[in-house]
Amino acid sequence: MAAAASNMLATHLRPLLDGLSLSIRAIPRLVSLTLLMTVLGVSVPPAFSYARASYRGYLALGPGGIPYNVFGWALQGALQLLAHWDTRDPSPFTDPRNRRPYEPYGSCTFFQAPIPPRARHSAGGTGAGDGEESSSCRPEVPGYVAPQRQITQQPLGKQSKETRHRMTAYLEDLVKRNPGVLALKPSGLEGIGTPAVYLDTATATSTLPRGAVPKFMRTTKGEMVHVHSECSSHITLSMADAEEVVRKGWAERHRLSGVMGLPWGYVLIYAPRDDAEYEVWRAIVRAGLQFVCASAGRQVVTG
């Protein structure tokens, strides 16, 4: 009888024990699901808020090179994985391994005279001491891979239009003075609406066949300089000159310089704030054109 009672008890308890076992096994899943919902609840709203602010900031920079929509914003976000963050560090320009592809002219300076440090303020403001730049003299440049723009210390309103007209007119004059050497075309890096100076490849040279550009200029297809809407500009300089303009506060590297074939010397030159800075910008442009043209076996008139 005792055995029968035991079997009866076991029969009644088995469903209860089986259910309890299932409940115990389900606890880790419930805990994982709870943790996942908690993490999503905590992280998704801030992430969405950050993405929205980032996208608005991207649009505020204006069109430039990549699609002016959410796809362009996503593309530059993906390129962040390849981009450099230390864009104001001039040390990559002095690395012999980085200089090698730009020789024999990469180590040469094309400035007729050393350029001064960029002042903290225009129109007689105080410059940095000892030939070195101070971080306070630089404008704010948001961390987007593209477009690369400054959002402070640039000309505004009528002054901006006049400054940009003055800059593009100078580029046009250089092209007119160098037929067969320089060409003015819409920028392939910034898109239609932004004129750019290219190396004219219609004729062969002693070092390059017709249609060819120096190897380090293949990614830009011979495009040497263009001016942006807020009066900053991109230009390719020799490694020696790029080091000087970055060190003295006139420029910073593009975040993809040295990546995907973009020259290390491809730098963002800050917008000139007055006549003195405009003259420095002109000197930087001349140095860039002379470097690329020398590498292509061409002579350019810039004086």
C-alpha atoms as a PDB file:
ATOM      1  CA  MET A   1       0.000   0.000   0.000  1.00  0.00           C
ATOM      2  CA  ALA A   2       2.854   2.348   0.764  1.00  0.00           C
ATOM      3  CA  ALA A   3       4.215   1.759  -2.725  1.00  0.00           C
ATOM      4  CA  ALA A   4       0.866   2.520  -4.269  1.00  0.00           C
ATOM      5  CA  ALA A   5       0.601   5.753  -2.288  1.00  0.00           C
ATOM      6  CA  SER A   6       4.086   6.754  -3.360  1.00  0.00           C
ATOM      7  CA  ASN A   7       3.277   6.139  -7.017  1.00  0.00           C
ATOM      8  CA  MET A   8       0.079   8.154  -6.710  1.00  0.00           C
ATOM      9  CA  LEU A   9       1.982  11.059  -5.133  1.00  0.00           C
ATOM     10  CA  ALA A  10       4.585  10.945  -7.841  1.00  0.00           C
ATOM     11  CA  THR A  11       1.900  10.942 -10.499  1.00  0.00           C
ATOM     12  CA  HIS A  12       0.324  14.094  -9.047  1.00  0.00           C
ATOM     13  CA  LEU A  13       3.612  15.902  -8.437  1.00  0.00           C
ATOM     14  CA  ARG A  14       5.228  15.190 -11.812  1.00  0.00           C
ATOM     15  CA  PRO A  15       3.279  17.876 -13.741  1.00  0.00           C
ATOM     16  CA  LEU A  16       4.043  20.397 -11.003  1.00  0.00           C
ATOM     17  CA  LEU A  17       7.754  19.544 -11.031  1.00  0.00           C
ATOM     18  CA  ASP A  18       7.893  19.595 -14.809  1.00  0.00           C
ATOM     19  CA  GLY A  19       6.285  23.039 -14.856  1.00  0.00           C
ATOM     20  CA  LEU A  20       8.668  24.275 -12.195  1.00  0.00           C
ATOM     21  CA  SER A  21      11.609  22.950 -14.214  1.00  0.00           C
ATOM     22  CA  LEU A  22      10.392  24.750 -17.311  1.00  0.00           C
ATOM     23  CA  SER A  23       9.976  27.963 -15.303  1.00  0.00           C
ATOM     24  CA  ILE A  24      13.500  27.697 -13.933  1.00  0.00           C
ATOM     25  CA  ARG A  25      14.938  27.095 -17.399  1.00  0.00           C
ATOM     26  CA  ALA A  26      13.007  30.109 -18.687  1.00  0.00           C
ATOM     27  CA  ILE A  27      14.455  32.469 -16.068  1.00  0.00           C
ATOM     28  CA  PRO A  28      17.723  33.192 -17.988  1.00  0.00           C
ATOM     29  CA  ARG A  29      15.719  33.976 -21.099  1.00  0.00           C
ATOM     30  CA  LEU A  30      13.449  36.294 -19.158  1.00  0.00           C
ATOM     31  CA  VAL A  31      16.459  37.976 -17.580  1.00  0.00           C
ATOM     32  CA  SER A  32      18.151  38.380 -21.010  1.00  0.00           C
ATOM     33  CA  LEU A  33      14.979  39.772 -22.546  1.00  0.00           C
ATOM     34  CA  THR A  34      14.554  42.190 -19.643  1.00  0.00           C
ATOM     35  CA  LEU A  35      18.165  43.347 -19.935  1.00  0.00           C
ATOM     36  CA  LEU A  36      17.819  43.792 -23.713  1.00  0.00           C
ATOM     37  CA  MET A  37      14.664  45.857 -23.341  1.00  0.00           C
ATOM     38  CA  THR A  38      16.344  47.937 -20.634  1.00  0.00           C
ATOM     39  CA  VAL A  39      19.440  48.582 -22.772  1.00  0.00           C
ATOM     40  CA  LEU A  40      17.325  49.500 -25.780  1.00  0.00           C
ATOM     41  CA  GLY A  41      15.123  51.736 -23.673  1.00  0.00           C
ATOM     42  CA  VAL A  42      18.131  53.565 -22.278  1.00  0.00           C
ATOM     43  CA  SER A  43      20.310  53.774 -25.417  1.00  0.00           C
ATOM     44  CA  VAL A  44      17.938  54.191 -28.349  1.00  0.00           C
ATOM     45  CA  PRO A  45      16.504  57.629 -27.446  1.00  0.00           C
ATOM     46  CA  PRO A  46      19.960  59.252 -26.922  1.00  0.00           C
ATOM     47  CA  ALA A  47      21.306  57.571 -30.070  1.00  0.00           C
ATOM     48  CA  PHE A  48      18.357  58.832 -32.094  1.00  0.00           C
ATOM     49  CA  SER A  49      18.793  62.303 -30.645  1.00  0.00           C
ATOM     50  CA  TYR A  50      22.514  62.259 -31.510  1.00  0.00           C
ATOM     51  CA  ALA A  51      21.839  61.041 -35.046  1.00  0.00           C
ATOM     52  CA  ARG A  52      19.222  63.726 -35.602  1.00  0.00           C
ATOM     53  CA  ALA A  53      21.571  66.464 -34.346  1.00  0.00           C
ATOM     54  CA  SER A  54      24.422  65.066 -36.449  1.00  0.00           C
ATOM     55  CA  TYR A  55      22.287  65.006 -39.584  1.00  0.00           C
ATOM     56  CA  ARG A  56      21.121  68.567 -39.027  1.00  0.00           C
ATOM     57  CA  GLY A  57      24.739  69.638 -38.562  1.00  0.00           C
ATOM     58  CA  TYR A  58      25.671  67.874 -41.785  1.00  0.00           C
ATOM     59  CA  LEU A  59      22.970  69.718 -43.730  1.00  0.00           C
ATOM     60  CA  ALA A  60      23.983  73.029 -42.150  1.00  0.00           C
ATOM     61  CA  LEU A  61      27.400  72.764 -43.830  1.00  0.00           C
ATOM     62  CA  GLY A  62      25.772  72.931 -47.255  1.00  0.00           C
ATOM     63  CA  PRO A  63      26.346  70.742 -50.326  1.00  0.00           C
ATOM     64  CA  GLY A  64      29.813  69.472 -51.014  1.00  0.00           C
ATOM     65  CA  GLY A  65      31.102  66.432 -52.840  1.00  0.00           C
ATOM     66  CA  ILE A  66      28.785  63.716 -51.547  1.00  0.00           C
ATOM     67  CA  PRO A  67      24.967  63.518 -51.686  1.00  0.00           C
ATOM     68  CA  TYR A  68      23.288  66.318 -49.776  1.00  0.00           C
ATOM     69  CA  ASN A  69      20.822  63.998 -48.041  1.00  0.00           C
ATOM     70  CA  VAL A  70      20.638  61.190 -45.498  1.00  0.00           C
ATOM     71  CA  PHE A  71      22.593  58.870 -47.822  1.00  0.00           C
ATOM     72  CA  GLY A  72      25.511  61.296 -47.966  1.00  0.00           C
ATOM     73  CA  TRP A  73      25.387  61.695 -44.194  1.00  0.00           C
ATOM     74  CA  ALA A  74      25.442  57.906 -43.771  1.00  0.00           C
ATOM     75  CA  LEU A  75      28.320  57.591 -46.261  1.00  0.00           C
ATOM     76  CA  GLN A  76      30.509  60.077 -44.425  1.00  0.00           C
ATOM     77  CA  GLY A  77      29.597  58.261 -41.216  1.00  0.00           C
ATOM     78  CA  ALA A  78      30.854  54.982 -42.663  1.00  0.00           C
ATOM     79  CA  LEU A  79      34.066  56.701 -43.792  1.00  0.00           C
ATOM     80  CA  GLN A  80      34.723  57.663 -40.171  1.00  0.00           C
ATOM     81  CA  LEU A  81      36.092  54.130 -39.788  1.00  0.00           C
ATOM     82  CA  LEU A  82      38.976  55.044 -42.108  1.00  0.00           C
ATOM     83  CA  ALA A  83      39.420  58.700 -41.189  1.00  0.00           C
ATOM     84  CA  HIS A  84      42.100  60.363 -39.082  1.00  0.00           C
ATOM     85  CA  TRP A  85      41.137  62.385 -36.016  1.00  0.00           C
ATOM     86  CA  ASP A  86      44.460  64.162 -35.417  1.00  0.00           C
ATOM     87  CA  THR A  87      44.028  66.533 -38.351  1.00  0.00           C
ATOM     88  CA  ARG A  88      45.940  69.362 -36.668  1.00  0.00           C
ATOM     89  CA  ASP A  89      49.027  67.272 -36.018  1.00  0.00           C
ATOM     90  CA  PRO A  90      51.784  68.125 -38.538  1.00  0.00           C
ATOM     91  CA  SER A  91      53.989  65.131 -37.659  1.00  0.00           C
ATOM     92  CA  PRO A  92      52.789  62.833 -40.505  1.00  0.00           C
ATOM     93  CA  PHE A  93      54.356  65.268 -42.985  1.00  0.00           C
ATOM     94  CA  THR A  94      57.844  64.679 -41.573  1.00  0.00           C
ATOM     95  CA  ASP A  95      57.645  60.870 -41.621  1.00  0.00           C
ATOM     96  CA  PRO A  96      60.081  59.652 -44.334  1.00  0.00           C
ATOM     97  CA  ARG A  97      57.715  56.783 -45.193  1.00  0.00           C
ATOM     98  CA  ASN A  98      54.912  59.254 -45.914  1.00  0.00           C
ATOM     99  CA  ARG A  99      57.187  61.574 -47.900  1.00  0.00           C
ATOM    100  CA  ARG A 100      58.576  58.928 -50.228  1.00  0.00           C
ATOM    101  CA  PRO A 101      55.682  58.869 -52.763  1.00  0.00           C
ATOM    102  CA  TYR A 102      55.972  62.654 -53.274  1.00  0.00           C
ATOM    103  CA  GLU A 103      59.666  62.877 -54.027  1.00  0.00           C
ATOM    104  CA  PRO A 104      61.759  64.361 -55.493  1.00  0.00           C
ATOM    105  CA  TYR A 105      59.769  67.501 -54.651  1.00  0.00           C
ATOM    106  CA  GLY A 106      57.846  66.420 -51.551  1.00  0.00           C
ATOM    107  CA  SER A 107      60.620  67.550 -49.196  1.00  0.00           C
ATOM    108  CA  CYS A 108      61.017  70.897 -50.980  1.00  0.00           C
ATOM    109  CA  THR A 109      59.424  74.147 -49.926  1.00  0.00           C
ATOM    110  CA  PHE A 110      57.871  76.306 -52.604  1.00  0.00           C
ATOM    111  CA  PHE A 111      57.348  79.370 -50.418  1.00  0.00           C
ATOM    112  CA  GLN A 112      59.467  82.288 -51.496  1.00  0.00           C
ATOM    113  CA  ALA A 113      59.634  83.333 -47.835  1.00  0.00           C
ATOM    114  CA  PRO A 114      58.498  81.668 -44.594  1.00  0.00           C
ATOM    115  CA  ILE A 115      54.869  82.387 -43.811  1.00  0.00           C
ATOM    116  CA  PRO A 116      54.040  83.936 -40.415  1.00  0.00           C
ATOM    117  CA  PRO A 117      52.014  82.163 -37.729  1.00  0.00           C
ATOM    118  CA  ARG A 118      48.284  82.711 -38.097  1.00  0.00           C
ATOM    119  CA  ALA A 119      47.022  85.331 -35.648  1.00  0.00           C
ATOM    120  CA  ARG A 120      44.342  84.578 -33.068  1.00  0.00           C
ATOM    121  CA  HIS A 121      42.417  87.585 -34.367  1.00  0.00           C
ATOM    122  CA  SER A 122      42.484  89.382 -37.685  1.00  0.00           C
ATOM    123  CA  ALA A 123      43.219  93.071 -38.256  1.00  0.00           C
ATOM    124  CA  GLY A 124      46.200  93.400 -35.975  1.00  0.00           C
ATOM    125  CA  GLY A 125      45.329  90.632 -33.532  1.00  0.00           C
ATOM    126  CA  THR A 126      48.006  88.889 -31.500  1.00  0.00           C
ATOM    127  CA  GLY A 127      49.711  85.925 -33.142  1.00  0.00           C
ATOM    128  CA  ALA A 128      51.141  82.855 -31.474  1.00  0.00           C
ATOM    129  CA  GLY A 129      54.692  83.145 -30.282  1.00  0.00           C
ATOM    130  CA  ASP A 130      57.918  81.410 -31.315  1.00  0.00           C
ATOM    131  CA  GLY A 131      56.669  80.476 -34.754  1.00  0.00           C
ATOM    132  CA  GLU A 132      54.156  77.996 -33.361  1.00  0.00           C
ATOM    133  CA  GLU A 133      50.384  78.077 -33.640  1.00  0.00           C
ATOM    134  CA  SER A 134      48.039  78.241 -30.686  1.00  0.00           C
ATOM    135  CA  SER A 135      44.877  76.137 -30.695  1.00  0.00           C
ATOM    136  CA  SER A 136      42.885  79.287 -29.929  1.00  0.00           C
ATOM    137  CA  CYS A 137      43.785  80.759 -33.325  1.00  0.00           C
ATOM    138  CA  ARG A 138      42.001  78.025 -35.249  1.00  0.00           C
ATOM    139  CA  PRO A 139      38.373  78.085 -36.380  1.00  0.00           C
ATOM    140  CA  GLU A 140      35.930  75.353 -35.464  1.00  0.00           C
ATOM    141  CA  VAL A 141      35.783  72.560 -38.046  1.00  0.00           C
ATOM    142  CA  PRO A 142      33.107  69.900 -37.359  1.00  0.00           C
ATOM    143  CA  GLY A 143      34.254  66.284 -37.423  1.00  0.00           C
ATOM    144  CA  TYR A 144      32.442  65.209 -40.578  1.00  0.00           C
ATOM    145  CA  VAL A 145      34.624  63.435 -43.127  1.00  0.00           C
ATOM    146  CA  ALA A 146      32.893  65.399 -45.872  1.00  0.00           C
ATOM    147  CA  PRO A 147      32.191  68.130 -46.476  1.00  0.00           C
ATOM    148  CA  GLN A 148      35.072  69.629 -44.519  1.00  0.00           C
ATOM    149  CA  ARG A 149      34.155  73.195 -43.586  1.00  0.00           C
ATOM    150  CA  GLN A 150      34.898  75.773 -40.918  1.00  0.00           C
ATOM    151  CA  ILE A 151      31.929  77.263 -39.078  1.00  0.00           C
ATOM    152  CA  THR A 152      33.665  80.106 -37.209  1.00  0.00           C
ATOM    153  CA  GLN A 153      36.150  82.868 -38.115  1.00  0.00           C
ATOM    154  CA  GLN A 154      34.918  83.161 -41.699  1.00  0.00           C
ATOM    155  CA  PRO A 155      33.687  86.234 -43.591  1.00  0.00           C
ATOM    156  CA  LEU A 156      29.936  86.743 -43.365  1.00  0.00           C
ATOM    157  CA  GLY A 157      27.272  88.244 -45.618  1.00  0.00           C
ATOM    158  CA  LYS A 158      28.508  90.697 -48.226  1.00  0.00           C
ATOM    159  CA  GLN A 159      32.115  90.281 -47.084  1.00  0.00           C
ATOM    160  CA  SER A 160      31.902  86.526 -47.699  1.00  0.00           C
ATOM    161  CA  LYS A 161      30.695  87.003 -51.290  1.00  0.00           C
ATOM    162  CA  GLU A 162      33.354  89.617 -51.973  1.00  0.00           C
ATOM    163  CA  THR A 163      36.130  87.484 -50.480  1.00  0.00           C
ATOM    164  CA  ARG A 164      35.117  84.370 -52.411  1.00  0.00           C
ATOM    165  CA  HIS A 165      34.840  86.380 -55.637  1.00  0.00           C
ATOM    166  CA  ARG A 166      38.295  87.768 -55.006  1.00  0.00           C
ATOM    167  CA  MET A 167      39.711  84.284 -54.392  1.00  0.00           C
ATOM    168  CA  THR A 168      38.131  82.678 -57.449  1.00  0.00           C
ATOM    169  CA  ALA A 169      39.175  85.642 -59.607  1.00  0.00           C
ATOM    170  CA  TYR A 170      42.770  85.043 -58.541  1.00  0.00           C
ATOM    171  CA  LEU A 171      42.509  81.383 -59.548  1.00  0.00           C
ATOM    172  CA  GLU A 172      41.010  82.370 -62.909  1.00  0.00           C
ATOM    173  CA  ASP A 173      43.865  84.815 -63.487  1.00  0.00           C
ATOM    174  CA  LEU A 174      46.462  82.118 -62.768  1.00  0.00           C
ATOM    175  CA  VAL A 175      44.801  79.812 -65.296  1.00  0.00           C
ATOM    176  CA  LYS A 176      44.708  82.542 -67.974  1.00  0.00           C
ATOM    177  CA  ARG A 177      48.411  83.186 -67.451  1.00  0.00           C
ATOM    178  CA  ASN A 178      49.266  79.495 -67.834  1.00  0.00           C
ATOM    179  CA  PRO A 179      47.532  78.122 -70.952  1.00  0.00           C
ATOM    180  CA  GLY A 180      48.378  74.488 -71.573  1.00  0.00           C
ATOM    181  CA  VAL A 181      49.564  74.132 -67.973  1.00  0.00           C
ATOM    182  CA  LEU A 182      46.496  74.923 -65.860  1.00  0.00           C
ATOM    183  CA  ALA A 183      42.782  74.488 -66.559  1.00  0.00           C
ATOM    184  CA  LEU A 184      39.683  75.787 -64.795  1.00  0.00           C
ATOM    185  CA  LYS A 185      36.820  73.281 -64.523  1.00  0.00           C
ATOM    186  CA  PRO A 186      34.056  72.380 -62.057  1.00  0.00           C
ATOM    187  CA  SER A 187      35.466  70.613 -59.045  1.00  0.00           C
ATOM    188  CA  GLY A 188      35.209  66.854 -59.157  1.00  0.00           C
ATOM    189  CA  LEU A 189      35.677  66.744 -55.392  1.00  0.00           C
ATOM    190  CA  GLU A 190      33.073  69.364 -54.487  1.00  0.00           C
ATOM    191  CA  GLY A 191      30.722  69.169 -57.456  1.00  0.00           C
ATOM    192  CA  ILE A 192      29.251  71.578 -59.995  1.00  0.00           C
ATOM    193  CA  GLY A 193      29.133  75.148 -58.713  1.00  0.00           C
ATOM    194  CA  THR A 194      32.657  75.066 -57.292  1.00  0.00           C
ATOM    195  CA  PRO A 195      35.350  76.058 -59.813  1.00  0.00           C
ATOM    196  CA  ALA A 196      38.691  74.342 -59.399  1.00  0.00           C
ATOM    197  CA  VAL A 197      42.170  74.599 -60.870  1.00  0.00           C
ATOM    198  CA  TYR A 198      43.382  71.429 -62.586  1.00  0.00           C
ATOM    199  CA  LEU A 199      46.600  70.335 -64.152  1.00  0.00           C
ATOM    200  CA  ASP A 200      46.072  70.625 -67.912  1.00  0.00           C
ATOM    201  CA  THR A 201      46.933  67.225 -69.351  1.00  0.00           C
ATOM    202  CA  ALA A 202      46.062  67.923 -72.990  1.00  0.00           C
ATOM    203  CA  THR A 203      49.736  67.761 -73.961  1.00  0.00           C
ATOM    204  CA  ALA A 204      52.538  65.424 -72.952  1.00  0.00           C
ATOM    205  CA  THR A 205      55.595  66.510 -70.950  1.00  0.00           C
ATOM    206  CA  SER A 206      59.109  65.161 -70.544  1.00  0.00           C
ATOM    207  CA  THR A 207      57.935  63.061 -67.592  1.00  0.00           C
ATOM    208  CA  LEU A 208      54.267  62.336 -68.309  1.00  0.00           C
ATOM    209  CA  PRO A 209      52.338  61.247 -71.405  1.00  0.00           C
ATOM    210  CA  ARG A 210      49.278  63.110 -72.637  1.00  0.00           C
ATOM    211  CA  GLY A 211      46.332  62.758 -70.241  1.00  0.00           C
ATOM    212  CA  ALA A 212      48.485  61.650 -67.288  1.00  0.00           C
ATOM    213  CA  VAL A 213      48.968  63.277 -63.905  1.00  0.00           C
ATOM    214  CA  PRO A 214      51.531  62.559 -61.163  1.00  0.00           C
ATOM    215  CA  LYS A 215      50.724  59.299 -59.409  1.00  0.00           C
ATOM    216  CA  PHE A 216      49.827  61.012 -56.124  1.00  0.00           C
ATOM    217  CA  MET A 217      47.285  63.190 -57.978  1.00  0.00           C
ATOM    218  CA  ARG A 218      45.364  60.328 -59.607  1.00  0.00           C
ATOM    219  CA  THR A 219      42.659  60.205 -56.948  1.00  0.00           C
ATOM    220  CA  THR A 220      41.928  63.923 -57.383  1.00  0.00           C
ATOM    221  CA  LYS A 221      42.315  63.544 -61.184  1.00  0.00           C
ATOM    222  CA  GLY A 222      44.724  66.452 -61.287  1.00  0.00           C
ATOM    223  CA  GLU A 223      42.539  68.834 -59.261  1.00  0.00           C
ATOM    224  CA  MET A 224      44.840  71.110 -57.285  1.00  0.00           C
ATOM    225  CA  VAL A 225      42.762  73.775 -55.523  1.00  0.00           C
ATOM    226  CA  HIS A 226      39.162  74.890 -55.032  1.00  0.00           C
ATOM    227  CA  VAL A 227      37.404  77.438 -52.827  1.00  0.00           C
ATOM    228  CA  HIS A 228      34.357  76.680 -50.663  1.00  0.00           C
ATOM    229  CA  SER A 229      31.286  78.810 -50.059  1.00  0.00           C
ATOM    230  CA  GLU A 230      32.542  80.003 -46.652  1.00  0.00           C
ATOM    231  CA  CYS A 231      35.923  80.899 -48.202  1.00  0.00           C
ATOM    232  CA  SER A 232      37.996  78.037 -46.878  1.00  0.00           C
ATOM    233  CA  SER A 233      39.780  76.045 -49.565  1.00  0.00           C
ATOM    234  CA  HIS A 234      41.389  72.700 -50.259  1.00  0.00           C
ATOM    235  CA  ILE A 235      44.802  72.494 -51.872  1.00  0.00           C
ATOM    236  CA  THR A 236      47.556  69.930 -52.359  1.00  0.00           C
ATOM    237  CA  LEU A 237      50.949  71.063 -51.069  1.00  0.00           C
ATOM    238  CA  SER A 238      54.384  69.507 -50.825  1.00  0.00           C
ATOM    239  CA  MET A 239      54.926  67.646 -47.572  1.00  0.00           C
ATOM    240  CA  ALA A 240      57.327  70.347 -46.375  1.00  0.00           C
ATOM    241  CA  ASP A 241      54.878  73.170 -47.078  1.00  0.00           C
ATOM    242  CA  ALA A 242      51.909  71.236 -45.698  1.00  0.00           C
ATOM    243  CA  GLU A 243      53.824  70.739 -42.465  1.00  0.00           C
ATOM    244  CA  GLU A 244      54.515  74.464 -42.218  1.00  0.00           C
ATOM    245  CA  VAL A 245      50.943  75.655 -42.817  1.00  0.00           C
ATOM    246  CA  VAL A 246      49.488  73.132 -40.365  1.00  0.00           C
ATOM    247  CA  ARG A 247      52.117  73.835 -37.714  1.00  0.00           C
ATOM    248  CA  LYS A 248      51.599  77.591 -37.995  1.00  0.00           C
ATOM    249  CA  GLY A 249      47.831  77.390 -37.756  1.00  0.00           C
ATOM    250  CA  TRP A 250      46.785  78.172 -41.340  1.00  0.00           C
ATOM    251  CA  ALA A 251      45.455  74.751 -42.164  1.00  0.00           C
ATOM    252  CA  GLU A 252      44.605  71.248 -41.065  1.00  0.00           C
ATOM    253  CA  ARG A 253      44.742  67.935 -42.834  1.00  0.00           C
ATOM    254  CA  HIS A 254      41.683  66.467 -44.511  1.00  0.00           C
ATOM    255  CA  ARG A 255      40.426  63.543 -42.467  1.00  0.00           C
ATOM    256  CA  LEU A 256      41.104  61.206 -45.389  1.00  0.00           C
ATOM    257  CA  SER A 257      44.526  62.629 -46.294  1.00  0.00           C
ATOM    258  CA  GLY A 258      46.856  59.686 -46.683  1.00  0.00           C
ATOM    259  CA  VAL A 259      43.871  57.329 -47.028  1.00  0.00           C
ATOM    260  CA  MET A 260      42.384  55.776 -50.183  1.00  0.00           C
ATOM    261  CA  GLY A 261      44.896  57.546 -52.420  1.00  0.00           C
ATOM    262  CA  LEU A 262      44.161  61.097 -51.252  1.00  0.00           C
ATOM    263  CA  PRO A 263      47.517  62.921 -50.962  1.00  0.00           C
ATOM    264  CA  TRP A 264      48.923  63.539 -47.509  1.00  0.00           C
ATOM    265  CA  GLY A 265      49.461  67.141 -48.590  1.00  0.00           C
ATOM    266  CA  TYR A 266      45.751  67.669 -49.321  1.00  0.00           C
ATOM    267  CA  VAL A 267      44.858  70.225 -46.638  1.00  0.00           C
ATOM    268  CA  LEU A 268      42.062  72.600 -45.657  1.00  0.00           C
ATOM    269  CA  ILE A 269      43.245  76.226 -45.714  1.00  0.00           C
ATOM    270  CA  TYR A 270      41.204  78.433 -43.401  1.00  0.00           C
ATOM    271  CA  ALA A 271      39.281  81.385 -44.847  1.00  0.00           C
ATOM    272  CA  PRO A 272      41.235  84.647 -45.017  1.00  0.00           C
ATOM    273  CA  ARG A 273      39.823  87.218 -42.598  1.00  0.00           C
ATOM    274  CA  ASP A 274      41.580  90.331 -43.924  1.00  0.00           C
ATOM    275  CA  ASP A 275      43.922  91.536 -46.668  1.00  0.00           C
ATOM    276  CA  ALA A 276      47.058  90.262 -44.915  1.00  0.00           C
ATOM    277  CA  GLU A 277      45.607  86.765 -44.608  1.00  0.00           C
ATOM    278  CA  TYR A 278      44.451  86.913 -48.222  1.00  0.00           C
ATOM    279  CA  GLU A 279      48.068  87.503 -49.266  1.00  0.00           C
ATOM    280  CA  VAL A 280      49.157  84.467 -47.232  1.00  0.00           C
ATOM    281  CA  TRP A 281      46.430  82.428 -48.947  1.00  0.00           C
ATOM    282  CA  ARG A 282      47.760  83.524 -52.340  1.00  0.00           C
ATOM    283  CA  ALA A 283      51.269  82.449 -51.330  1.00  0.00           C
ATOM    284  CA  ILE A 284      49.912  79.043 -50.271  1.00  0.00           C
ATOM    285  CA  VAL A 285      48.102  78.644 -53.597  1.00  0.00           C
ATOM    286  CA  ARG A 286      51.263  79.526 -55.544  1.00  0.00           C
ATOM    287  CA  ALA A 287      53.271  76.999 -53.535  1.00  0.00           C
ATOM    288  CA  GLY A 288      50.731  74.263 -54.198  1.00  0.00           C
ATOM    289  CA  LEU A 289      50.586  74.888 -57.938  1.00  0.00           C
ATOM    290  CA  GLN A 290      54.364  74.993 -58.212  1.00  0.00           C
ATOM    291  CA  PHE A 291      54.714  71.692 -56.349  1.00  0.00           C
ATOM    292  CA  VAL A 292      52.215  69.792 -58.488  1.00  0.00           C
ATOM    293  CA  CYS A 293      53.459  71.317 -61.738  1.00  0.00           C
ATOM    294  CA  ALA A 294      57.089  70.541 -60.870  1.00  0.00           C
ATOM    295  CA  SER A 295      56.078  66.938 -60.186  1.00  0.00           C
ATOM    296  CA  ALA A 296      54.394  66.856 -63.614  1.00  0.00           C
ATOM    297  CA  GLY A 297      57.412  68.292 -65.411  1.00  0.00           C
ATOM    298  CA  ARG A 298      55.687  71.629 -66.118  1.00  0.00           C
ATOM    299  CA  GLN A 299      56.575  75.217 -65.378  1.00  0.00           C
ATOM    300  CA  VAL A 300      53.884  77.477 -63.965  1.00  0.00           C
ATOM    301  CA  VAL A 301      53.909  81.276 -63.887  1.00  0.00           C
ATOM    302  CA  THR A 302      52.691  82.534 -60.506  1.00  0.00           C
ATOM    303  CA  GLY A 303      54.658  85.748 -59.968  1.00  0.00           C
END
